[in-house]
Amino acid sequence: MRILLVHNPKAGSKKHEGENLIKALEKRGHEAIYESSKRKRIAKALKKNIDLVLVAGGDGTVGKVANRLVAAN
């Protein structure tokens, strides 16, 4: 499965760093694409051929991604 991980690097603990999350997904056989929620490229990343959007962050990160998903459709 091709997964877009949108991650807020300021949220959570050190064990939830983007690199660790990507490794965990890849270890389970997924192709993972990383995008920081702090960058302005989420809308562009959502246009890629992906099967699942995974959001790692707080309410603000989830809201930001949800708004861009709605706008993309």
N, C-alpha and C. Protein backbone atom coordinates (compact mmCIF):
# COMPACT_ATOMS: atom_id res chain seq x y z
N MET A 1 0.85 -1.17 0.00
CA MET A 1 0.00 0.00 0.00
C MET A 1 0.89 1.24 0.00
N ARG A 2 0.51 2.22 -0.76
CA ARG A 2 1.26 3.48 -0.83
C ARG A 2 0.61 4.48 0.13
N ILE A 3 1.37 4.90 1.13
CA ILE A 3 0.84 5.73 2.21
C ILE A 3 1.54 7.08 2.23
N LEU A 4 0.74 8.14 2.30
CA LEU A 4 1.26 9.48 2.52
C LEU A 4 1.18 9.76 4.02
N LEU A 5 2.32 9.97 4.64
CA LEU A 5 2.38 10.32 6.06
C LEU A 5 2.57 11.82 6.17
N VAL A 6 1.57 12.50 6.71
CA VAL A 6 1.69 13.93 7.01
C VAL A 6 1.94 14.01 8.50
N HIS A 7 3.09 14.55 8.86
CA HIS A 7 3.58 14.49 10.23
C HIS A 7 3.90 15.88 10.76
N ASN A 8 3.46 16.14 11.98
CA ASN A 8 3.84 17.37 12.67
C ASN A 8 5.06 17.03 13.53
N PRO A 9 6.24 17.48 13.12
CA PRO A 9 7.46 17.13 13.85
C PRO A 9 7.53 17.71 15.26
N LYS A 10 6.67 18.67 15.57
CA LYS A 10 6.66 19.28 16.91
C LYS A 10 5.75 18.54 17.88
N ALA A 11 4.92 17.63 17.37
CA ALA A 11 3.97 16.91 18.22
C ALA A 11 4.56 15.60 18.72
N GLY A 12 4.15 15.19 19.88
CA GLY A 12 4.54 13.88 20.40
C GLY A 12 5.95 13.83 20.95
N SER A 13 6.41 12.61 21.14
CA SER A 13 7.72 12.39 21.74
C SER A 13 8.74 12.00 20.68
N LYS A 14 9.98 11.85 21.11
CA LYS A 14 11.07 11.53 20.20
C LYS A 14 10.83 10.21 19.46
N LYS A 15 10.17 9.25 20.10
CA LYS A 15 9.94 7.96 19.44
C LYS A 15 8.93 8.09 18.30
N HIS A 16 8.27 9.23 18.20
CA HIS A 16 7.31 9.46 17.13
C HIS A 16 7.87 10.38 16.05
N GLU A 17 9.18 10.40 15.91
CA GLU A 17 9.79 11.20 14.85
C GLU A 17 9.41 10.62 13.49
N GLY A 18 9.38 11.48 12.49
CA GLY A 18 8.99 11.06 11.15
C GLY A 18 9.78 9.87 10.63
N GLU A 19 11.08 9.88 10.85
CA GLU A 19 11.92 8.79 10.37
C GLU A 19 11.50 7.45 10.98
N ASN A 20 11.19 7.46 12.27
CA ASN A 20 10.76 6.22 12.94
C ASN A 20 9.40 5.75 12.42
N LEU A 21 8.51 6.68 12.15
CA LEU A 21 7.19 6.32 11.62
C LEU A 21 7.31 5.73 10.22
N ILE A 22 8.14 6.34 9.39
CA ILE A 22 8.36 5.83 8.03
C ILE A 22 8.96 4.42 8.09
N LYS A 23 9.95 4.22 8.93
CA LYS A 23 10.58 2.90 9.07
C LYS A 23 9.55 1.85 9.49
N ALA A 24 8.67 2.21 10.42
CA ALA A 24 7.65 1.26 10.89
C ALA A 24 6.70 0.87 9.75
N LEU A 25 6.32 1.84 8.93
CA LEU A 25 5.44 1.54 7.79
C LEU A 25 6.15 0.67 6.76
N GLU A 26 7.39 1.02 6.45
CA GLU A 26 8.14 0.26 5.45
C GLU A 26 8.44 -1.16 5.94
N LYS A 27 8.67 -1.30 7.23
CA LYS A 27 8.93 -2.63 7.81
C LYS A 27 7.74 -3.56 7.59
N ARG A 28 6.56 -2.97 7.50
CA ARG A 28 5.34 -3.76 7.29
C ARG A 28 4.96 -3.88 5.81
N GLY A 29 5.90 -3.49 4.95
CA GLY A 29 5.72 -3.69 3.52
C GLY A 29 5.04 -2.57 2.75
N HIS A 30 4.87 -1.42 3.39
CA HIS A 30 4.22 -0.29 2.73
C HIS A 30 5.25 0.64 2.10
N GLU A 31 4.84 1.31 1.05
CA GLU A 31 5.64 2.38 0.48
C GLU A 31 5.16 3.66 1.15
N ALA A 32 6.06 4.34 1.83
CA ALA A 32 5.68 5.52 2.60
C ALA A 32 6.29 6.78 2.01
N ILE A 33 5.46 7.80 1.89
CA ILE A 33 5.88 9.12 1.42
C ILE A 33 5.71 10.08 2.59
N TYR A 34 6.76 10.80 2.94
CA TYR A 34 6.73 11.70 4.10
C TYR A 34 6.50 13.14 3.66
N GLU A 35 5.65 13.82 4.41
CA GLU A 35 5.48 15.26 4.22
C GLU A 35 5.28 15.89 5.59
N SER A 36 6.08 16.89 5.89
CA SER A 36 5.94 17.61 7.15
C SER A 36 4.73 18.53 7.08
N SER A 37 3.99 18.60 8.16
CA SER A 37 2.83 19.50 8.20
C SER A 37 3.27 20.95 8.28
N LYS A 38 4.53 21.18 8.53
CA LYS A 38 5.06 22.54 8.65
C LYS A 38 5.40 23.15 7.29
N ARG A 39 5.35 22.35 6.25
CA ARG A 39 5.64 22.84 4.90
C ARG A 39 4.35 23.13 4.16
N LYS A 40 4.45 23.85 3.09
CA LYS A 40 3.28 24.25 2.30
C LYS A 40 3.00 23.29 1.15
N ARG A 41 3.53 22.07 1.22
CA ARG A 41 3.42 21.15 0.09
C ARG A 41 2.39 20.04 0.29
N ILE A 42 1.55 20.14 1.29
CA ILE A 42 0.59 19.07 1.56
C ILE A 42 -0.37 18.90 0.38
N ALA A 43 -0.90 19.99 -0.15
CA ALA A 43 -1.85 19.91 -1.27
C ALA A 43 -1.21 19.20 -2.46
N LYS A 44 0.04 19.51 -2.74
CA LYS A 44 0.74 18.87 -3.86
C LYS A 44 0.94 17.38 -3.58
N ALA A 45 1.30 17.05 -2.36
CA ALA A 45 1.51 15.64 -1.99
C ALA A 45 0.22 14.84 -2.10
N LEU A 46 -0.91 15.47 -1.81
CA LEU A 46 -2.20 14.77 -1.88
C LEU A 46 -2.60 14.44 -3.32
N LYS A 47 -1.98 15.07 -4.29
CA LYS A 47 -2.28 14.80 -5.69
C LYS A 47 -1.55 13.57 -6.22
N LYS A 48 -0.61 13.05 -5.43
CA LYS A 48 0.13 11.86 -5.84
C LYS A 48 -0.78 10.64 -5.79
N ASN A 49 -0.38 9.60 -6.47
CA ASN A 49 -1.13 8.35 -6.47
C ASN A 49 -0.89 7.63 -5.15
N ILE A 50 -1.81 7.82 -4.20
CA ILE A 50 -1.68 7.23 -2.87
C ILE A 50 -2.94 6.44 -2.53
N ASP A 51 -2.76 5.46 -1.65
CA ASP A 51 -3.88 4.63 -1.21
C ASP A 51 -4.46 5.10 0.13
N LEU A 52 -3.62 5.71 0.94
CA LEU A 52 -4.03 6.07 2.29
C LEU A 52 -3.28 7.31 2.75
N VAL A 53 -3.98 8.19 3.44
CA VAL A 53 -3.36 9.35 4.07
C VAL A 53 -3.33 9.09 5.56
N LEU A 54 -2.15 9.13 6.14
CA LEU A 54 -1.97 8.92 7.57
C LEU A 54 -1.47 10.22 8.17
N VAL A 55 -2.16 10.71 9.19
CA VAL A 55 -1.80 11.98 9.81
C VAL A 55 -1.29 11.71 11.22
N ALA A 56 -0.10 12.20 11.51
CA ALA A 56 0.50 12.07 12.83
C ALA A 56 0.72 13.47 13.39
N GLY A 57 -0.11 13.84 14.33
CA GLY A 57 -0.02 15.17 14.93
C GLY A 57 -1.24 15.41 15.79
N GLY A 58 -1.51 16.64 16.07
CA GLY A 58 -2.66 16.98 16.90
C GLY A 58 -3.85 17.41 16.07
N ASP A 59 -4.82 18.02 16.75
CA ASP A 59 -6.05 18.47 16.09
C ASP A 59 -5.77 19.42 14.93
N GLY A 60 -4.82 20.31 15.10
CA GLY A 60 -4.50 21.27 14.05
C GLY A 60 -3.98 20.60 12.79
N THR A 61 -3.15 19.60 12.97
CA THR A 61 -2.59 18.87 11.83
C THR A 61 -3.69 18.10 11.11
N VAL A 62 -4.53 17.43 11.87
CA VAL A 62 -5.64 16.68 11.27
C VAL A 62 -6.57 17.64 10.51
N GLY A 63 -6.88 18.77 11.11
CA GLY A 63 -7.74 19.76 10.46
C GLY A 63 -7.14 20.30 9.17
N LYS A 64 -5.85 20.58 9.21
CA LYS A 64 -5.16 21.10 8.02
C LYS A 64 -5.24 20.11 6.87
N VAL A 65 -4.98 18.84 7.16
CA VAL A 65 -5.01 17.82 6.12
C VAL A 65 -6.45 17.59 5.63
N ALA A 66 -7.40 17.56 6.55
CA ALA A 66 -8.80 17.36 6.17
C ALA A 66 -9.27 18.48 5.24
N ASN A 67 -8.92 19.71 5.55
CA ASN A 67 -9.31 20.84 4.70
C ASN A 67 -8.71 20.72 3.31
N ARG A 68 -7.49 20.27 3.22
CA ARG A 68 -6.85 20.13 1.91
C ARG A 68 -7.43 18.95 1.13
N LEU A 69 -7.83 17.90 1.83
CA LEU A 69 -8.48 16.77 1.16
C LEU A 69 -9.82 17.20 0.57
N VAL A 70 -10.59 17.95 1.33
CA VAL A 70 -11.89 18.44 0.85
C VAL A 70 -11.69 19.36 -0.35
N ALA A 71 -10.71 20.24 -0.27
CA ALA A 71 -10.45 21.19 -1.36
C ALA A 71 -9.96 20.47 -2.62
N ALA A 72 -9.31 19.34 -2.45
CA ALA A 72 -8.76 18.61 -3.59
C ALA A 72 -9.84 17.87 -4.38
N ASN A 73 -10.99 17.65 -3.76
CA ASN A 73 -12.05 16.88 -4.44
C ASN A 73 -13.15 17.75 -4.91
